[in-house]
C-alpha atoms as a PDB file:
ATOM      1  CA  MET A   1     -94.707-207.367  24.431  1.00  0.00           C
ATOM      2  CA  ASN A   2     -97.420-205.214  22.850  1.00  0.00           C
ATOM      3  CA  HIS A   3     -98.799-206.399  19.552  1.00  0.00           C
ATOM      4  CA  PRO A   4    -100.707-204.356  17.012  1.00  0.00           C
ATOM      5  CA  ASP A   5    -103.804-206.418  17.884  1.00  0.00           C
ATOM      6  CA  ASN A   6    -104.276-204.249  21.018  1.00  0.00           C
ATOM      7  CA  GLY A   7    -104.049-207.132  23.446  1.00  0.00           C
ATOM      8  CA  ILE A   8    -106.476-209.395  21.637  1.00  0.00           C
ATOM      9  CA  HIS A   9    -104.769-212.714  21.152  1.00  0.00           C
ATOM     10  CA  SER A  10    -105.464-214.846  18.137  1.00  0.00           C
ATOM     11  CA  SER A  11    -106.047-218.561  18.226  1.00  0.00           C
ATOM     12  CA  PRO A  12    -103.022-220.745  18.965  1.00  0.00           C
ATOM     13  CA  TYR A  13    -104.051-222.866  15.974  1.00  0.00           C
ATOM     14  CA  LYS A  14    -103.402-219.972  13.596  1.00  0.00           C
ATOM     15  CA  GLY A  15     -99.658-220.615  13.883  1.00  0.00           C
ATOM     16  CA  ARG A  16     -99.883-223.910  12.037  1.00  0.00           C
ATOM     17  CA  THR A  17     -98.474-223.860   8.531  1.00  0.00           C
ATOM     18  CA  GLY A  18     -97.988-226.143   5.589  1.00  0.00           C
ATOM     19  CA  LEU A  19     -99.655-229.509   5.243  1.00  0.00           C
ATOM     20  CA  ARG A  20    -100.704-229.633   8.901  1.00  0.00           C
ATOM     21  CA  ARG A  21    -102.739-226.443   8.462  1.00  0.00           C
ATOM     22  CA  ILE A  22    -104.394-227.818   5.319  1.00  0.00           C
ATOM     23  CA  TRP A  23    -105.147-231.118   7.083  1.00  0.00           C
ATOM     24  CA  ASN A  24    -106.657-229.322  10.088  1.00  0.00           C
ATOM     25  CA  ALA A  25    -108.689-226.988   7.868  1.00  0.00           C
ATOM     26  CA  PHE A  26    -110.055-229.990   5.960  1.00  0.00           C
ATOM     27  CA  HIS A  27    -111.190-231.664   9.180  1.00  0.00           C
ATOM     28  CA  TYR A  28    -112.741-228.440  10.519  1.00  0.00           C
ATOM     29  CA  SER A  29    -114.613-228.083   7.232  1.00  0.00           C
ATOM     30  CA  LEU A  30    -115.958-231.639   7.467  1.00  0.00           C
ATOM     31  CA  ALA A  31    -117.022-230.965  11.056  1.00  0.00           C
ATOM     32  CA  GLY A  32    -118.839-227.848   9.863  1.00  0.00           C
ATOM     33  CA  LEU A  33    -120.664-229.786   7.149  1.00  0.00           C
ATOM     34  CA  ARG A  34    -121.676-232.502   9.628  1.00  0.00           C
ATOM     35  CA  SER A  35    -122.867-229.901  12.121  1.00  0.00           C
ATOM     36  CA  ALA A  36    -124.901-228.059   9.500  1.00  0.00           C
ATOM     37  CA  TYR A  37    -126.475-231.294   8.299  1.00  0.00           C
ATOM     38  CA  ARG A  38    -127.335-232.419  11.846  1.00  0.00           C
ATOM     39  CA  ASN A  39    -128.578-229.092  13.171  1.00  0.00           C
ATOM     40  CA  GLU A  40    -130.021-227.155  10.229  1.00  0.00           C
ATOM     41  CA  SER A  41    -133.161-228.537   8.581  1.00  0.00           C
ATOM     42  CA  ALA A  42    -132.935-226.024   5.715  1.00  0.00           C
ATOM     43  CA  PHE A  43    -129.407-227.226   4.918  1.00  0.00           C
ATOM     44  CA  ARG A  44    -130.577-230.863   4.953  1.00  0.00           C
ATOM     45  CA  GLN A  45    -133.415-230.007   2.566  1.00  0.00           C
ATOM     46  CA  GLU A  46    -131.062-228.181   0.216  1.00  0.00           C
ATOM     47  CA  VAL A  47    -128.566-231.057   0.301  1.00  0.00           C
ATOM     48  CA  TRP A  48    -131.306-233.489  -0.699  1.00  0.00           C
ATOM     49  CA  LEU A  49    -132.473-231.102  -3.411  1.00  0.00           C
ATOM     50  CA  ALA A  50    -128.908-231.073  -4.763  1.00  0.00           C
ATOM     51  CA  VAL A  51    -128.691-234.882  -4.497  1.00  0.00           C
ATOM     52  CA  LEU A  52    -131.899-235.128  -6.534  1.00  0.00           C
ATOM     53  CA  LEU A  53    -130.990-232.500  -9.130  1.00  0.00           C
ATOM     54  CA  ALA A  54    -127.297-233.382  -9.687  1.00  0.00           C
ATOM     55  CA  PRO A  55    -128.009-236.647 -11.551  1.00  0.00           C
ATOM     56  CA  ILE A  56    -130.651-234.861 -13.616  1.00  0.00           C
ATOM     57  CA  ALA A  57    -128.049-232.273 -14.589  1.00  0.00           C
ATOM     58  CA  CYS A  58    -125.708-235.073 -15.658  1.00  0.00           C
ATOM     59  CA  LEU A  59    -128.370-236.762 -17.785  1.00  0.00           C
ATOM     60  CA  LEU A  60    -129.624-233.665 -19.562  1.00  0.00           C
ATOM     61  CA  PRO A  61    -128.514-233.228 -23.167  1.00  0.00           C
ATOM     62  CA  ALA A  62    -126.873-229.959 -22.175  1.00  0.00           C
ATOM     63  CA  THR A  63    -123.516-228.442 -23.019  1.00  0.00           C
ATOM     64  CA  LEU A  64    -120.661-228.618 -20.556  1.00  0.00           C
ATOM     65  CA  MET A  65    -121.152-224.918 -19.777  1.00  0.00           C
ATOM     66  CA  GLN A  66    -124.855-225.449 -19.066  1.00  0.00           C
ATOM     67  CA  LYS A  67    -124.125-228.391 -16.789  1.00  0.00           C
ATOM     68  CA  THR A  68    -121.483-226.334 -15.019  1.00  0.00           C
ATOM     69  CA  LEU A  69    -124.029-223.571 -14.427  1.00  0.00           C
ATOM     70  CA  LEU A  70    -126.534-226.092 -13.066  1.00  0.00           C
ATOM     71  CA  PHE A  71    -124.009-227.538 -10.614  1.00  0.00           C
ATOM     72  CA  ALA A  72    -122.663-224.105  -9.649  1.00  0.00           C
ATOM     73  CA  SER A  73    -126.161-222.876  -8.839  1.00  0.00           C
ATOM     74  CA  LEU A  74    -126.706-225.853  -6.516  1.00  0.00           C
ATOM     75  CA  PHE A  75    -123.412-225.204  -4.739  1.00  0.00           C
ATOM     76  CA  ILE A  76    -124.188-221.486  -4.395  1.00  0.00           C
ATOM     77  CA  VAL A  77    -127.379-222.397  -2.515  1.00  0.00           C
ATOM     78  CA  LEU A  78    -125.470-224.732  -0.165  1.00  0.00           C
ATOM     79  CA  ILE A  79    -122.667-222.233   0.417  1.00  0.00           C
ATOM     80  CA  THR A  80    -125.125-219.436   1.131  1.00  0.00           C
ATOM     81  CA  GLU A  81    -127.065-221.615   3.569  1.00  0.00           C
ATOM     82  CA  LEU A  82    -123.838-222.499   5.394  1.00  0.00           C
ATOM     83  CA  LEU A  83    -122.951-218.819   5.752  1.00  0.00           C
ATOM     84  CA  ASN A  84    -126.491-217.972   6.875  1.00  0.00           C
ATOM     85  CA  SER A  85    -126.378-220.742   9.473  1.00  0.00           C
ATOM     86  CA  ALA A  86    -123.011-219.464  10.705  1.00  0.00           C
ATOM     87  CA  VAL A  87    -124.383-215.941  11.112  1.00  0.00           C
ATOM     88  CA  GLU A  88    -127.415-217.276  12.995  1.00  0.00           C
ATOM     89  CA  ALA A  89    -125.218-219.374  15.290  1.00  0.00           C
ATOM     90  CA  VAL A  90    -122.988-216.423  16.143  1.00  0.00           C
ATOM     91  CA  VAL A  91    -125.964-214.131  16.754  1.00  0.00           C
ATOM     92  CA  ASP A  92    -127.618-216.742  18.981  1.00  0.00           C
ATOM     93  CA  ARG A  93    -124.333-217.309  20.836  1.00  0.00           C
ATOM     94  CA  ILE A  94    -124.117-213.633  21.688  1.00  0.00           C
ATOM     95  CA  SER A  95    -127.708-213.370  22.901  1.00  0.00           C
ATOM     96  CA  ILE A  96    -131.083-214.959  22.237  1.00  0.00           C
ATOM     97  CA  GLU A  97    -133.033-211.853  23.256  1.00  0.00           C
ATOM     98  CA  ASP A  98    -134.591-209.748  20.517  1.00  0.00           C
ATOM     99  CA  HIS A  99    -132.365-206.979  19.214  1.00  0.00           C
ATOM    100  CA  GLU A 100    -132.792-204.913  16.071  1.00  0.00           C
ATOM    101  CA  LEU A 101    -129.278-205.612  14.786  1.00  0.00           C
ATOM    102  CA  ALA A 102    -129.527-209.338  15.527  1.00  0.00           C
ATOM    103  CA  GLY A 103    -132.828-209.497  13.687  1.00  0.00           C
ATOM    104  CA  ARG A 104    -131.392-207.533  10.795  1.00  0.00           C
ATOM    105  CA  ALA A 105    -128.386-209.871  10.540  1.00  0.00           C
ATOM    106  CA  LYS A 106    -130.614-212.952  10.519  1.00  0.00           C
ATOM    107  CA  ASP A 107    -133.016-211.398   8.004  1.00  0.00           C
ATOM    108  CA  MET A 108    -130.147-210.482   5.677  1.00  0.00           C
ATOM    109  CA  GLY A 109    -128.777-214.015   5.868  1.00  0.00           C
ATOM    110  CA  SER A 110    -132.207-215.367   5.060  1.00  0.00           C
ATOM    111  CA  ALA A 111    -132.509-212.919   2.159  1.00  0.00           C
ATOM    112  CA  ALA A 112    -129.162-214.138   0.810  1.00  0.00           C
ATOM    113  CA  VAL A 113    -130.467-217.726   0.842  1.00  0.00           C
ATOM    114  CA  LEU A 114    -133.653-216.612  -0.922  1.00  0.00           C
ATOM    115  CA  ALA A 115    -131.601-214.790  -3.563  1.00  0.00           C
ATOM    116  CA  SER A 116    -129.428-217.877  -4.117  1.00  0.00           C
ATOM    117  CA  LEU A 117    -132.533-220.052  -4.495  1.00  0.00           C
ATOM    118  CA  ALA A 118    -134.023-217.566  -6.981  1.00  0.00           C
ATOM    119  CA  LEU A 119    -130.770-217.604  -8.964  1.00  0.00           C
ATOM    120  CA  CYS A 120    -130.750-221.402  -8.928  1.00  0.00           C
ATOM    121  CA  LEU A 121    -134.350-221.506 -10.146  1.00  0.00           C
ATOM    122  CA  LEU A 122    -133.589-218.980 -12.902  1.00  0.00           C
ATOM    123  CA  ILE A 123    -130.527-220.903 -14.114  1.00  0.00           C
ATOM    124  CA  TRP A 124    -132.328-224.248 -14.068  1.00  0.00           C
ATOM    125  CA  GLY A 125    -135.344-222.732 -15.818  1.00  0.00           C
ATOM    126  CA  LEU A 126    -133.268-221.153 -18.584  1.00  0.00           C
ATOM    127  CA  VAL A 127    -131.134-224.245 -19.145  1.00  0.00           C
ATOM    128  CA  LEU A 128    -134.159-226.548 -19.179  1.00  0.00           C
ATOM    129  CA  ALA A 129    -136.006-224.227 -21.554  1.00  0.00           C
ATOM    130  CA  ASP A 130    -132.990-224.218 -23.881  1.00  0.00           C
ATOM    131  CA  VAL A 131    -132.405-227.968 -23.715  1.00  0.00           C
ATOM    132  CA  LEU A 132    -136.013-229.109 -23.915  1.00  0.00           C
ATOM    133  CA  THR A 133    -137.305-226.760 -26.625  1.00  0.00           C
ATOM    134  CA  PRO A 134    -136.266-226.756 -30.251  1.00  0.00           C
ATOM    135  CA  GLY A 135    -134.548-223.598 -31.491  1.00  0.00           C
ATOM    136  CA  ASP A 136    -132.583-220.941 -29.731  1.00  0.00           C
ATOM    137  CA  LEU A 137    -133.799-218.805 -26.852  1.00  0.00           C
END
């Protein structure tokens, strides 16, 4: 029977529903985190940066909103690095030879990580300036 997918068949695992799908997705996510930690030095460095900064965020005399921003900025860096690593893996899977579009995809992923790090630095700088200096900014 013809499907609207033009003959391209989706994964047999896509048919799972309910709790089994959630359970499988959880395990695939853990496998992805382990793989990123094992294979991506930038991800490892950013994880350890988050491990170092998270307790500092907890100990700062900051408001709940400020602490939330600090934690969110750390997670944004990790999420962006995971997506960048995924793009790089797919590009490398297709071909390791130089191609303009492959280079552009990798450069854009890298730029996204840089932007997330800049945002993290800005948020931490503003919160620290507010918390550690008397008066309002």
